[in-house]
Amino acid sequence: NFFLLNEIVEGESHLVIDELVNQSLNFTH
């Protein structure tokens, strides 16, 4: 609710990819 990007896709709520997610998944903290 405060950091990730939400979007309703085909009627369902999703968390979508953006640069914050990319940095989390591909790089260490």
mmCIF file of all heavy atoms, coordinates in Angstrom:
data_MODEL
# 
_entry.id   MODEL 
# 
loop_
_atom_site.group_PDB 
_atom_site.id 
_atom_site.type_symbol 
_atom_site.label_atom_id 
_atom_site.label_alt_id 
_atom_site.label_comp_id 
_atom_site.label_asym_id 
_atom_site.label_entity_id 
_atom_site.label_seq_id 
_atom_site.pdbx_PDB_ins_code 
_atom_site.Cartn_x 
_atom_site.Cartn_y 
_atom_site.Cartn_z 
_atom_site.occupancy 
_atom_site.B_iso_or_equiv 
_atom_site.pdbx_formal_charge 
_atom_site.auth_seq_id 
_atom_site.auth_comp_id 
_atom_site.auth_asym_id 
_atom_site.auth_atom_id 
_atom_site.pdbx_PDB_model_num 
ATOM 1   N N   . ASN A 1 1  ? 0.792   -1.231  0.000   1.00 0.00 ? 1  ASN A N   1 
ATOM 2   C CA  . ASN A 1 1  ? 0.000   0.000   0.000   1.00 0.00 ? 1  ASN A CA  1 
ATOM 3   C C   . ASN A 1 1  ? 0.821   1.277   0.000   1.00 0.00 ? 1  ASN A C   1 
ATOM 4   O O   . ASN A 1 1  ? 0.268   2.357   -0.246  1.00 0.00 ? 1  ASN A O   1 
ATOM 5   C CB  . ASN A 1 1  ? -0.938  0.027   1.214   1.00 0.00 ? 1  ASN A CB  1 
ATOM 6   C CG  . ASN A 1 1  ? -2.044  -0.999  1.113   1.00 0.00 ? 1  ASN A CG  1 
ATOM 7   O OD1 . ASN A 1 1  ? -2.057  -1.828  0.214   1.00 0.00 ? 1  ASN A OD1 1 
ATOM 8   N ND2 . ASN A 1 1  ? -2.977  -0.954  2.047   1.00 0.00 ? 1  ASN A ND2 1 
ATOM 9   N N   . PHE A 1 2  ? 2.142   1.170   0.260   1.00 0.00 ? 2  PHE A N   1 
ATOM 10  C CA  . PHE A 1 2  ? 2.957   2.377   0.332   1.00 0.00 ? 2  PHE A CA  1 
ATOM 11  C C   . PHE A 1 2  ? 4.148   2.392   -0.629  1.00 0.00 ? 2  PHE A C   1 
ATOM 12  O O   . PHE A 1 2  ? 4.690   3.460   -0.898  1.00 0.00 ? 2  PHE A O   1 
ATOM 13  C CB  . PHE A 1 2  ? 3.487   2.586   1.763   1.00 0.00 ? 2  PHE A CB  1 
ATOM 14  C CG  . PHE A 1 2  ? 2.449   3.061   2.731   1.00 0.00 ? 2  PHE A CG  1 
ATOM 15  C CD1 . PHE A 1 2  ? 1.712   2.159   3.477   1.00 0.00 ? 2  PHE A CD1 1 
ATOM 16  C CD2 . PHE A 1 2  ? 2.188   4.410   2.890   1.00 0.00 ? 2  PHE A CD2 1 
ATOM 17  C CE1 . PHE A 1 2  ? 0.742   2.585   4.374   1.00 0.00 ? 2  PHE A CE1 1 
ATOM 18  C CE2 . PHE A 1 2  ? 1.222   4.858   3.783   1.00 0.00 ? 2  PHE A CE2 1 
ATOM 19  C CZ  . PHE A 1 2  ? 0.501   3.935   4.530   1.00 0.00 ? 2  PHE A CZ  1 
ATOM 20  N N   . PHE A 1 3  ? 4.545   1.248   -1.149  1.00 0.00 ? 3  PHE A N   1 
ATOM 21  C CA  . PHE A 1 3  ? 5.766   1.212   -1.962  1.00 0.00 ? 3  PHE A CA  1 
ATOM 22  C C   . PHE A 1 3  ? 5.574   0.633   -3.367  1.00 0.00 ? 3  PHE A C   1 
ATOM 23  O O   . PHE A 1 3  ? 6.165   1.136   -4.322  1.00 0.00 ? 3  PHE A O   1 
ATOM 24  C CB  . PHE A 1 3  ? 6.847   0.399   -1.236  1.00 0.00 ? 3  PHE A CB  1 
ATOM 25  C CG  . PHE A 1 3  ? 7.430   1.086   -0.037  1.00 0.00 ? 3  PHE A CG  1 
ATOM 26  C CD1 . PHE A 1 3  ? 6.919   0.856   1.233   1.00 0.00 ? 3  PHE A CD1 1 
ATOM 27  C CD2 . PHE A 1 3  ? 8.490   1.974   -0.173  1.00 0.00 ? 3  PHE A CD2 1 
ATOM 28  C CE1 . PHE A 1 3  ? 7.449   1.488   2.340   1.00 0.00 ? 3  PHE A CE1 1 
ATOM 29  C CE2 . PHE A 1 3  ? 9.032   2.618   0.926   1.00 0.00 ? 3  PHE A CE2 1 
ATOM 30  C CZ  . PHE A 1 3  ? 8.514   2.374   2.190   1.00 0.00 ? 3  PHE A CZ  1 
ATOM 31  N N   . LEU A 1 4  ? 4.804   -0.421  -3.502  1.00 0.00 ? 4  LEU A N   1 
ATOM 32  C CA  . LEU A 1 4  ? 4.697   -1.115  -4.787  1.00 0.00 ? 4  LEU A CA  1 
ATOM 33  C C   . LEU A 1 4  ? 3.593   -0.526  -5.661  1.00 0.00 ? 4  LEU A C   1 
ATOM 34  O O   . LEU A 1 4  ? 2.697   0.176   -5.186  1.00 0.00 ? 4  LEU A O   1 
ATOM 35  C CB  . LEU A 1 4  ? 4.451   -2.601  -4.551  1.00 0.00 ? 4  LEU A CB  1 
ATOM 36  C CG  . LEU A 1 4  ? 5.642   -3.349  -3.959  1.00 0.00 ? 4  LEU A CG  1 
ATOM 37  C CD1 . LEU A 1 4  ? 5.244   -4.751  -3.517  1.00 0.00 ? 4  LEU A CD1 1 
ATOM 38  C CD2 . LEU A 1 4  ? 6.800   -3.409  -4.960  1.00 0.00 ? 4  LEU A CD2 1 
ATOM 39  N N   . LEU A 1 5  ? 3.666   -0.828  -6.957  1.00 0.00 ? 5  LEU A N   1 
ATOM 40  C CA  . LEU A 1 5  ? 2.706   -0.301  -7.926  1.00 0.00 ? 5  LEU A CA  1 
ATOM 41  C C   . LEU A 1 5  ? 1.595   -1.312  -8.170  1.00 0.00 ? 5  LEU A C   1 
ATOM 42  O O   . LEU A 1 5  ? 1.863   -2.460  -8.569  1.00 0.00 ? 5  LEU A O   1 
ATOM 43  C CB  . LEU A 1 5  ? 3.415   0.034   -9.241  1.00 0.00 ? 5  LEU A CB  1 
ATOM 44  C CG  . LEU A 1 5  ? 2.547   0.635   -10.353 1.00 0.00 ? 5  LEU A CG  1 
ATOM 45  C CD1 . LEU A 1 5  ? 1.897   1.938   -9.890  1.00 0.00 ? 5  LEU A CD1 1 
ATOM 46  C CD2 . LEU A 1 5  ? 3.392   0.880   -11.603 1.00 0.00 ? 5  LEU A CD2 1 
ATOM 47  N N   . ASN A 1 6  ? 0.371   -0.894  -7.929  1.00 0.00 ? 6  ASN A N   1 
ATOM 48  C CA  . ASN A 1 6  ? -0.814  -1.739  -8.084  1.00 0.00 ? 6  ASN A CA  1 
ATOM 49  C C   . ASN A 1 6  ? -1.567  -1.363  -9.357  1.00 0.00 ? 6  ASN A C   1 
ATOM 50  O O   . ASN A 1 6  ? -1.596  -0.201  -9.764  1.00 0.00 ? 6  ASN A O   1 
ATOM 51  C CB  . ASN A 1 6  ? -1.754  -1.554  -6.892  1.00 0.00 ? 6  ASN A CB  1 
ATOM 52  C CG  . ASN A 1 6  ? -1.167  -2.026  -5.582  1.00 0.00 ? 6  ASN A CG  1 
ATOM 53  O OD1 . ASN A 1 6  ? -1.456  -3.114  -5.104  1.00 0.00 ? 6  ASN A OD1 1 
ATOM 54  N ND2 . ASN A 1 6  ? -0.322  -1.192  -4.968  1.00 0.00 ? 6  ASN A ND2 1 
ATOM 55  N N   . GLU A 1 7  ? -2.211  -2.361  -9.953  1.00 0.00 ? 7  GLU A N   1 
ATOM 56  C CA  . GLU A 1 7  ? -3.014  -2.107  -11.149 1.00 0.00 ? 7  GLU A CA  1 
ATOM 57  C C   . GLU A 1 7  ? -4.080  -3.199  -11.274 1.00 0.00 ? 7  GLU A C   1 
ATOM 58  O O   . GLU A 1 7  ? -3.820  -4.364  -10.943 1.00 0.00 ? 7  GLU A O   1 
ATOM 59  C CB  . GLU A 1 7  ? -2.112  -2.102  -12.384 1.00 0.00 ? 7  GLU A CB  1 
ATOM 60  C CG  . GLU A 1 7  ? -2.797  -1.709  -13.673 1.00 0.00 ? 7  GLU A CG  1 
ATOM 61  C CD  . GLU A 1 7  ? -1.808  -1.595  -14.816 1.00 0.00 ? 7  GLU A CD  1 
ATOM 62  O OE1 . GLU A 1 7  ? -0.828  -0.820  -14.690 1.00 0.00 ? 7  GLU A OE1 1 
ATOM 63  O OE2 . GLU A 1 7  ? -2.001  -2.300  -15.827 1.00 0.00 ? 7  GLU A OE2 1 
ATOM 64  N N   . ILE A 1 8  ? -5.243  -2.814  -11.725 1.00 0.00 ? 8  ILE A N   1 
ATOM 65  C CA  . ILE A 1 8  ? -6.305  -3.792  -11.968 1.00 0.00 ? 8  ILE A CA  1 
ATOM 66  C C   . ILE A 1 8  ? -6.169  -4.299  -13.399 1.00 0.00 ? 8  ILE A C   1 
ATOM 67  O O   . ILE A 1 8  ? -6.300  -3.534  -14.353 1.00 0.00 ? 8  ILE A O   1 
ATOM 68  C CB  . ILE A 1 8  ? -7.695  -3.181  -11.733 1.00 0.00 ? 8  ILE A CB  1 
ATOM 69  C CG1 . ILE A 1 8  ? -7.822  -2.726  -10.271 1.00 0.00 ? 8  ILE A CG1 1 
ATOM 70  C CG2 . ILE A 1 8  ? -8.792  -4.191  -12.065 1.00 0.00 ? 8  ILE A CG2 1 
ATOM 71  C CD1 . ILE A 1 8  ? -9.134  -2.037  -9.950  1.00 0.00 ? 8  ILE A CD1 1 
ATOM 72  N N   . VAL A 1 9  ? -5.842  -5.578  -13.537 1.00 0.00 ? 9  VAL A N   1 
ATOM 73  C CA  . VAL A 1 9  ? -5.615  -6.199  -14.833 1.00 0.00 ? 9  VAL A CA  1 
ATOM 74  C C   . VAL A 1 9  ? -6.707  -7.231  -15.077 1.00 0.00 ? 9  VAL A C   1 
ATOM 75  O O   . VAL A 1 9  ? -6.839  -8.190  -14.323 1.00 0.00 ? 9  VAL A O   1 
ATOM 76  C CB  . VAL A 1 9  ? -4.231  -6.876  -14.894 1.00 0.00 ? 9  VAL A CB  1 
ATOM 77  C CG1 . VAL A 1 9  ? -3.993  -7.493  -16.269 1.00 0.00 ? 9  VAL A CG1 1 
ATOM 78  C CG2 . VAL A 1 9  ? -3.127  -5.877  -14.567 1.00 0.00 ? 9  VAL A CG2 1 
ATOM 79  N N   . GLU A 1 10 ? -7.489  -7.010  -16.123 1.00 0.00 ? 10 GLU A N   1 
ATOM 80  C CA  . GLU A 1 10 ? -8.595  -7.913  -16.470 1.00 0.00 ? 10 GLU A CA  1 
ATOM 81  C C   . GLU A 1 10 ? -9.495  -8.191  -15.272 1.00 0.00 ? 10 GLU A C   1 
ATOM 82  O O   . GLU A 1 10 ? -9.874  -9.324  -14.993 1.00 0.00 ? 10 GLU A O   1 
ATOM 83  C CB  . GLU A 1 10 ? -8.050  -9.222  -17.057 1.00 0.00 ? 10 GLU A CB  1 
ATOM 84  C CG  . GLU A 1 10 ? -7.279  -9.020  -18.366 1.00 0.00 ? 10 GLU A CG  1 
ATOM 85  C CD  . GLU A 1 10 ? -6.774  -10.325 -18.937 1.00 0.00 ? 10 GLU A CD  1 
ATOM 86  O OE1 . GLU A 1 10 ? -6.870  -11.362 -18.245 1.00 0.00 ? 10 GLU A OE1 1 
ATOM 87  O OE2 . GLU A 1 10 ? -6.269  -10.314 -20.078 1.00 0.00 ? 10 GLU A OE2 1 
ATOM 88  N N   . GLY A 1 11 ? -9.790  -7.119  -14.539 1.00 0.00 ? 11 GLY A N   1 
ATOM 89  C CA  . GLY A 1 11 ? -10.727 -7.210  -13.434 1.00 0.00 ? 11 GLY A CA  1 
ATOM 90  C C   . GLY A 1 11 ? -10.145 -7.694  -12.128 1.00 0.00 ? 11 GLY A C   1 
ATOM 91  O O   . GLY A 1 11 ? -10.858 -7.749  -11.118 1.00 0.00 ? 11 GLY A O   1 
ATOM 92  N N   . GLU A 1 12 ? -8.843  -8.025  -12.113 1.00 0.00 ? 12 GLU A N   1 
ATOM 93  C CA  . GLU A 1 12 ? -8.214  -8.519  -10.893 1.00 0.00 ? 12 GLU A CA  1 
ATOM 94  C C   . GLU A 1 12 ? -7.066  -7.610  -10.461 1.00 0.00 ? 12 GLU A C   1 
ATOM 95  O O   . GLU A 1 12 ? -6.347  -7.061  -11.299 1.00 0.00 ? 12 GLU A O   1 
ATOM 96  C CB  . GLU A 1 12 ? -7.694  -9.949  -11.098 1.00 0.00 ? 12 GLU A CB  1 
ATOM 97  C CG  . GLU A 1 12 ? -8.791  -10.980 -11.317 1.00 0.00 ? 12 GLU A CG  1 
ATOM 98  C CD  . GLU A 1 12 ? -9.731  -11.105 -10.130 1.00 0.00 ? 12 GLU A CD  1 
ATOM 99  O OE1 . GLU A 1 12 ? -9.266  -10.933 -8.981  1.00 0.00 ? 12 GLU A OE1 1 
ATOM 100 O OE2 . GLU A 1 12 ? -10.932 -11.353 -10.347 1.00 0.00 ? 12 GLU A OE2 1 
ATOM 101 N N   . SER A 1 13 ? -6.883  -7.472  -9.163  1.00 0.00 ? 13 SER A N   1 
ATOM 102 C CA  . SER A 1 13 ? -5.826  -6.618  -8.619  1.00 0.00 ? 13 SER A CA  1 
ATOM 103 C C   . SER A 1 13 ? -4.474  -7.307  -8.732  1.00 0.00 ? 13 SER A C   1 
ATOM 104 O O   . SER A 1 13 ? -4.326  -8.467  -8.317  1.00 0.00 ? 13 SER A O   1 
ATOM 105 C CB  . SER A 1 13 ? -6.123  -6.289  -7.152  1.00 0.00 ? 13 SER A CB  1 
ATOM 106 O OG  . SER A 1 13 ? -7.379  -5.663  -7.016  1.00 0.00 ? 13 SER A OG  1 
ATOM 107 N N   . HIS A 1 14 ? -3.498  -6.595  -9.284  1.00 0.00 ? 14 HIS A N   1 
ATOM 108 C CA  . HIS A 1 14 ? -2.145  -7.125  -9.453  1.00 0.00 ? 14 HIS A CA  1 
ATOM 109 C C   . HIS A 1 14 ? -1.108  -6.129  -8.936  1.00 0.00 ? 14 HIS A C   1 
ATOM 110 O O   . HIS A 1 14 ? -1.356  -4.924  -8.890  1.00 0.00 ? 14 HIS A O   1 
ATOM 111 C CB  . HIS A 1 14 ? -1.843  -7.401  -10.932 1.00 0.00 ? 14 HIS A CB  1 
ATOM 112 C CG  . HIS A 1 14 ? -2.471  -8.648  -11.466 1.00 0.00 ? 14 HIS A CG  1 
ATOM 113 N ND1 . HIS A 1 14 ? -3.822  -8.754  -11.701 1.00 0.00 ? 14 HIS A ND1 1 
ATOM 114 C CD2 . HIS A 1 14 ? -1.923  -9.846  -11.827 1.00 0.00 ? 14 HIS A CD2 1 
ATOM 115 C CE1 . HIS A 1 14 ? -4.093  -9.964  -12.176 1.00 0.00 ? 14 HIS A CE1 1 
ATOM 116 N NE2 . HIS A 1 14 ? -2.953  -10.642 -12.266 1.00 0.00 ? 14 HIS A NE2 1 
ATOM 117 N N   . LEU A 1 15 ? 0.034   -6.659  -8.575  1.00 0.00 ? 15 LEU A N   1 
ATOM 118 C CA  . LEU A 1 15 ? 1.244   -5.853  -8.396  1.00 0.00 ? 15 LEU A CA  1 
ATOM 119 C C   . LEU A 1 15 ? 2.011   -5.963  -9.701  1.00 0.00 ? 15 LEU A C   1 
ATOM 120 O O   . LEU A 1 15 ? 2.249   -7.073  -10.190 1.00 0.00 ? 15 LEU A O   1 
ATOM 121 C CB  . LEU A 1 15 ? 2.081   -6.379  -7.240  1.00 0.00 ? 15 LEU A CB  1 
ATOM 122 C CG  . LEU A 1 15 ? 1.423   -6.396  -5.865  1.00 0.00 ? 15 LEU A CG  1 
ATOM 123 C CD1 . LEU A 1 15 ? 2.342   -7.045  -4.847  1.00 0.00 ? 15 LEU A CD1 1 
ATOM 124 C CD2 . LEU A 1 15 ? 1.045   -4.993  -5.431  1.00 0.00 ? 15 LEU A CD2 1 
ATOM 125 N N   . VAL A 1 16 ? 2.392   -4.819  -10.281 1.00 0.00 ? 16 VAL A N   1 
ATOM 126 C CA  . VAL A 1 16 ? 3.043   -4.841  -11.582 1.00 0.00 ? 16 VAL A CA  1 
ATOM 127 C C   . VAL A 1 16 ? 4.519   -4.485  -11.459 1.00 0.00 ? 16 VAL A C   1 
ATOM 128 O O   . VAL A 1 16 ? 4.973   -3.967  -10.443 1.00 0.00 ? 16 VAL A O   1 
ATOM 129 C CB  . VAL A 1 16 ? 2.338   -3.897  -12.574 1.00 0.00 ? 16 VAL A CB  1 
ATOM 130 C CG1 . VAL A 1 16 ? 0.910   -4.364  -12.828 1.00 0.00 ? 16 VAL A CG1 1 
ATOM 131 C CG2 . VAL A 1 16 ? 2.317   -2.464  -12.051 1.00 0.00 ? 16 VAL A CG2 1 
ATOM 132 N N   . ILE A 1 17 ? 5.237   -4.774  -12.527 1.00 0.00 ? 17 ILE A N   1 
ATOM 133 C CA  . ILE A 1 17 ? 6.682   -4.563  -12.531 1.00 0.00 ? 17 ILE A CA  1 
ATOM 134 C C   . ILE A 1 17 ? 7.008   -3.093  -12.758 1.00 0.00 ? 17 ILE A C   1 
ATOM 135 O O   . ILE A 1 17 ? 6.425   -2.433  -13.618 1.00 0.00 ? 17 ILE A O   1 
ATOM 136 C CB  . ILE A 1 17 ? 7.343   -5.401  -13.644 1.00 0.00 ? 17 ILE A CB  1 
ATOM 137 C CG1 . ILE A 1 17 ? 7.029   -6.884  -13.451 1.00 0.00 ? 17 ILE A CG1 1 
ATOM 138 C CG2 . ILE A 1 17 ? 8.852   -5.181  -13.654 1.00 0.00 ? 17 ILE A CG2 1 
ATOM 139 C CD1 . ILE A 1 17 ? 7.503   -7.448  -12.149 1.00 0.00 ? 17 ILE A CD1 1 
ATOM 140 N N   . ASP A 1 18 ? 7.939   -2.589  -11.989 1.00 0.00 ? 18 ASP A N   1 
ATOM 141 C CA  . ASP A 1 18 ? 8.531   -1.280  -12.250 1.00 0.00 ? 18 ASP A CA  1 
ATOM 142 C C   . ASP A 1 18 ? 9.982   -1.331  -11.788 1.00 0.00 ? 18 ASP A C   1 
ATOM 143 O O   . ASP A 1 18 ? 10.503  -2.403  -11.434 1.00 0.00 ? 18 ASP A O   1 
ATOM 144 C CB  . ASP A 1 18 ? 7.747   -0.155  -11.578 1.00 0.00 ? 18 ASP A CB  1 
ATOM 145 C CG  . ASP A 1 18 ? 7.824   -0.188  -10.053 1.00 0.00 ? 18 ASP A CG  1 
ATOM 146 O OD1 . ASP A 1 18 ? 8.453   -1.115  -9.492  1.00 0.00 ? 18 ASP A OD1 1 
ATOM 147 O OD2 . ASP A 1 18 ? 7.251   0.714   -9.415  1.00 0.00 ? 18 ASP A OD2 1 
ATOM 148 N N   . GLU A 1 19 ? 10.657  -0.195  -11.812 1.00 0.00 ? 19 GLU A N   1 
ATOM 149 C CA  . GLU A 1 19 ? 12.090  -0.186  -11.510 1.00 0.00 ? 19 GLU A CA  1 
ATOM 150 C C   . GLU A 1 19 ? 12.381  -0.607  -10.076 1.00 0.00 ? 19 GLU A C   1 
ATOM 151 O O   . GLU A 1 19 ? 13.426  -1.215  -9.809  1.00 0.00 ? 19 GLU A O   1 
ATOM 152 C CB  . GLU A 1 19 ? 12.680  1.197   -11.775 1.00 0.00 ? 19 GLU A CB  1 
ATOM 153 C CG  . GLU A 1 19 ? 14.202  1.258   -11.739 1.00 0.00 ? 19 GLU A CG  1 
ATOM 154 C CD  . GLU A 1 19 ? 14.865  0.412   -12.821 1.00 0.00 ? 19 GLU A CD  1 
ATOM 155 O OE1 . GLU A 1 19 ? 14.337  0.333   -13.956 1.00 0.00 ? 19 GLU A OE1 1 
ATOM 156 O OE2 . GLU A 1 19 ? 15.939  -0.178  -12.529 1.00 0.00 ? 19 GLU A OE2 1 
ATOM 157 N N   . LEU A 1 20 ? 11.481  -0.336  -9.136  1.00 0.00 ? 20 LEU A N   1 
ATOM 158 C CA  . LEU A 1 20 ? 11.705  -0.754  -7.754  1.00 0.00 ? 20 LEU A CA  1 
ATOM 159 C C   . LEU A 1 20 ? 11.725  -2.272  -7.655  1.00 0.00 ? 20 LEU A C   1 
ATOM 160 O O   . LEU A 1 20 ? 12.579  -2.852  -6.963  1.00 0.00 ? 20 LEU A O   1 
ATOM 161 C CB  . LEU A 1 20 ? 10.623  -0.177  -6.843  1.00 0.00 ? 20 LEU A CB  1 
ATOM 162 C CG  . LEU A 1 20 ? 10.753  -0.521  -5.353  1.00 0.00 ? 20 LEU A CG  1 
ATOM 163 C CD1 . LEU A 1 20 ? 12.057  0.032   -4.790  1.00 0.00 ? 20 LEU A CD1 1 
ATOM 164 C CD2 . LEU A 1 20 ? 9.559   0.029   -4.566  1.00 0.00 ? 20 LEU A CD2 1 
ATOM 165 N N   . VAL A 1 21 ? 10.814  -2.938  -8.339  1.00 0.00 ? 21 VAL A N   1 
ATOM 166 C CA  . VAL A 1 21 ? 10.790  -4.402  -8.343  1.00 0.00 ? 21 VAL A CA  1 
ATOM 167 C C   . VAL A 1 21 ? 12.032  -4.945  -9.037  1.00 0.00 ? 21 VAL A C   1 
ATOM 168 O O   . VAL A 1 21 ? 12.666  -5.892  -8.567  1.00 0.00 ? 21 VAL A O   1 
ATOM 169 C CB  . VAL A 1 21 ? 9.509   -4.916  -9.036  1.00 0.00 ? 21 VAL A CB  1 
ATOM 170 C CG1 . VAL A 1 21 ? 9.523   -6.442  -9.116  1.00 0.00 ? 21 VAL A CG1 1 
ATOM 171 C CG2 . VAL A 1 21 ? 8.274   -4.435  -8.296  1.00 0.00 ? 21 VAL A CG2 1 
ATOM 172 N N   . ASN A 1 22 ? 12.398  -4.341  -10.156 1.00 0.00 ? 22 ASN A N   1 
ATOM 173 C CA  . ASN A 1 22 ? 13.602  -4.759  -10.878 1.00 0.00 ? 22 ASN A CA  1 
ATOM 174 C C   . ASN A 1 22 ? 14.836  -4.679  -9.985  1.00 0.00 ? 22 ASN A C   1 
ATOM 175 O O   . ASN A 1 22 ? 15.663  -5.595  -9.952  1.00 0.00 ? 22 ASN A O   1 
ATOM 176 C CB  . ASN A 1 22 ? 13.796  -3.867  -12.108 1.00 0.00 ? 22 ASN A CB  1 
ATOM 177 C CG  . ASN A 1 22 ? 15.082  -4.165  -12.854 1.00 0.00 ? 22 ASN A CG  1 
ATOM 178 O OD1 . ASN A 1 22 ? 15.359  -5.293  -13.240 1.00 0.00 ? 22 ASN A OD1 1 
ATOM 179 N ND2 . ASN A 1 22 ? 15.889  -3.137  -13.057 1.00 0.00 ? 22 ASN A ND2 1 
ATOM 180 N N   . GLN A 1 23 ? 14.976  -3.582  -9.251  1.00 0.00 ? 23 GLN A N   1 
ATOM 181 C CA  . GLN A 1 23 ? 16.129  -3.409  -8.362  1.00 0.00 ? 23 GLN A CA  1 
ATOM 182 C C   . GLN A 1 23 ? 16.119  -4.440  -7.242  1.00 0.00 ? 23 GLN A C   1 
ATOM 183 O O   . GLN A 1 23 ? 17.172  -4.906  -6.804  1.00 0.00 ? 23 GLN A O   1 
ATOM 184 C CB  . GLN A 1 23 ? 16.127  -1.997  -7.776  1.00 0.00 ? 23 GLN A CB  1 
ATOM 185 C CG  . GLN A 1 23 ? 16.375  -0.889  -8.787  1.00 0.00 ? 23 GLN A CG  1 
ATOM 186 C CD  . GLN A 1 23 ? 17.770  -0.916  -9.359  1.00 0.00 ? 23 GLN A CD  1 
ATOM 187 O OE1 . GLN A 1 23 ? 18.740  -1.199  -8.641  1.00 0.00 ? 23 GLN A OE1 1 
ATOM 188 N NE2 . GLN A 1 23 ? 17.902  -0.616  -10.642 1.00 0.00 ? 23 GLN A NE2 1 
ATOM 189 N N   . SER A 1 24 ? 14.944  -4.815  -6.782  1.00 0.00 ? 24 SER A N   1 
ATOM 190 C CA  . SER A 1 24 ? 14.838  -5.790  -5.696  1.00 0.00 ? 24 SER A CA  1 
ATOM 191 C C   . SER A 1 24 ? 15.215  -7.189  -6.158  1.00 0.00 ? 24 SER A C   1 
ATOM 192 O O   . SER A 1 24 ? 15.930  -7.919  -5.471  1.00 0.00 ? 24 SER A O   1 
ATOM 193 C CB  . SER A 1 24 ? 13.409  -5.809  -5.143  1.00 0.00 ? 24 SER A CB  1 
ATOM 194 O OG  . SER A 1 24 ? 13.034  -4.549  -4.645  1.00 0.00 ? 24 SER A OG  1 
ATOM 195 N N   . LEU A 1 25 ? 14.722  -7.572  -7.336  1.00 0.00 ? 25 LEU A N   1 
ATOM 196 C CA  . LEU A 1 25 ? 14.906  -8.945  -7.812  1.00 0.00 ? 25 LEU A CA  1 
ATOM 197 C C   . LEU A 1 25 ? 16.282  -9.182  -8.420  1.00 0.00 ? 25 LEU A C   1 
ATOM 198 O O   . LEU A 1 25 ? 16.789  -10.306 -8.373  1.00 0.00 ? 25 LEU A O   1 
ATOM 199 C CB  . LEU A 1 25 ? 13.821  -9.299  -8.834  1.00 0.00 ? 25 LEU A CB  1 
ATOM 200 C CG  . LEU A 1 25 ? 12.528  -9.913  -8.259  1.00 0.00 ? 25 LEU A CG  1 
ATOM 201 C CD1 . LEU A 1 25 ? 11.876  -8.989  -7.246  1.00 0.00 ? 25 LEU A CD1 1 
ATOM 202 C CD2 . LEU A 1 25 ? 11.552  -10.255 -9.377  1.00 0.00 ? 25 LEU A CD2 1 
ATOM 203 N N   . ASN A 1 26 ? 16.890  -8.149  -8.983  1.00 0.00 ? 26 ASN A N   1 
ATOM 204 C CA  . ASN A 1 26 ? 18.142  -8.348  -9.716  1.00 0.00 ? 26 ASN A CA  1 
ATOM 205 C C   . ASN A 1 26 ? 19.389  -7.849  -8.999  1.00 0.00 ? 26 ASN A C   1 
ATOM 206 O O   . ASN A 1 26 ? 20.505  -8.088  -9.470  1.00 0.00 ? 26 ASN A O   1 
ATOM 207 C CB  . ASN A 1 26 ? 18.057  -7.675  -11.090 1.00 0.00 ? 26 ASN A CB  1 
ATOM 208 C CG  . ASN A 1 26 ? 17.142  -8.445  -12.036 1.00 0.00 ? 26 ASN A CG  1 
ATOM 209 O OD1 . ASN A 1 26 ? 17.173  -9.667  -12.082 1.00 0.00 ? 26 ASN A OD1 1 
ATOM 210 N ND2 . ASN A 1 26 ? 16.314  -7.725  -12.780 1.00 0.00 ? 26 ASN A ND2 1 
ATOM 211 N N   . PHE A 1 27 ? 19.216  -7.176  -7.876  1.00 0.00 ? 27 PHE A N   1 
ATOM 212 C CA  . PHE A 1 27 ? 20.371  -6.631  -7.150  1.00 0.00 ? 27 PHE A CA  1 
ATOM 213 C C   . PHE A 1 27 ? 20.188  -6.866  -5.654  1.00 0.00 ? 27 PHE A C   1 
ATOM 214 O O   . PHE A 1 27 ? 19.072  -6.852  -5.143  1.00 0.00 ? 27 PHE A O   1 
ATOM 215 C CB  . PHE A 1 27 ? 20.530  -5.133  -7.437  1.00 0.00 ? 27 PHE A CB  1 
ATOM 216 C CG  . PHE A 1 27 ? 20.706  -4.802  -8.895  1.00 0.00 ? 27 PHE A CG  1 
ATOM 217 C CD1 . PHE A 1 27 ? 19.609  -4.472  -9.672  1.00 0.00 ? 27 PHE A CD1 1 
ATOM 218 C CD2 . PHE A 1 27 ? 21.949  -4.850  -9.494  1.00 0.00 ? 27 PHE A CD2 1 
ATOM 219 C CE1 . PHE A 1 27 ? 19.745  -4.185  -11.019 1.00 0.00 ? 27 PHE A CE1 1 
ATOM 220 C CE2 . PHE A 1 27 ? 22.104  -4.570  -10.838 1.00 0.00 ? 27 PHE A CE2 1 
ATOM 221 C CZ  . PHE A 1 27 ? 21.001  -4.235  -11.613 1.00 0.00 ? 27 PHE A CZ  1 
ATOM 222 N N   . THR A 1 28 ? 21.295  -7.066  -4.965  1.00 0.00 ? 28 THR A N   1 
ATOM 223 C CA  . THR A 1 28 ? 21.237  -7.260  -3.523  1.00 0.00 ? 28 THR A CA  1 
ATOM 224 C C   . THR A 1 28 ? 20.865  -5.955  -2.834  1.00 0.00 ? 28 THR A C   1 
ATOM 225 O O   . THR A 1 28 ? 20.980  -4.870  -3.414  1.00 0.00 ? 28 THR A O   1 
ATOM 226 C CB  . THR A 1 28 ? 22.591  -7.750  -2.979  1.00 0.00 ? 28 THR A CB  1 
ATOM 227 O OG1 . THR A 1 28 ? 23.604  -6.785  -3.327  1.00 0.00 ? 28 THR A OG1 1 
ATOM 228 C CG2 . THR A 1 28 ? 22.957  -9.096  -3.575  1.00 0.00 ? 28 THR A CG2 1 
ATOM 229 N N   . HIS A 1 29 ? 20.433  -6.079  -1.585  1.00 0.00 ? 29 HIS A N   1 
ATOM 230 C CA  . HIS A 1 29 ? 20.073  -4.881  -0.840  1.00 0.00 ? 29 HIS A CA  1 
ATOM 231 C C   . HIS A 1 29 ? 21.295  -3.987  -0.645  1.00 0.00 ? 29 HIS A C   1 
ATOM 232 O O   . HIS A 1 29 ? 22.410  -4.464  -0.421  1.00 0.00 ? 29 HIS A O   1 
ATOM 233 C CB  . HIS A 1 29 ? 19.502  -5.231  0.535   1.00 0.00 ? 29 HIS A CB  1 
ATOM 234 C CG  . HIS A 1 29 ? 19.267  -4.018  1.379   1.00 0.00 ? 29 HIS A CG  1 
ATOM 235 N ND1 . HIS A 1 29 ? 20.129  -3.649  2.396   1.00 0.00 ? 29 HIS A ND1 1 
ATOM 236 C CD2 . HIS A 1 29 ? 18.296  -3.070  1.327   1.00 0.00 ? 29 HIS A CD2 1 
ATOM 237 C CE1 . HIS A 1 29 ? 19.693  -2.539  2.943   1.00 0.00 ? 29 HIS A CE1 1 
ATOM 238 N NE2 . HIS A 1 29 ? 18.583  -2.165  2.328   1.00 0.00 ? 29 HIS A NE2 1 
# 
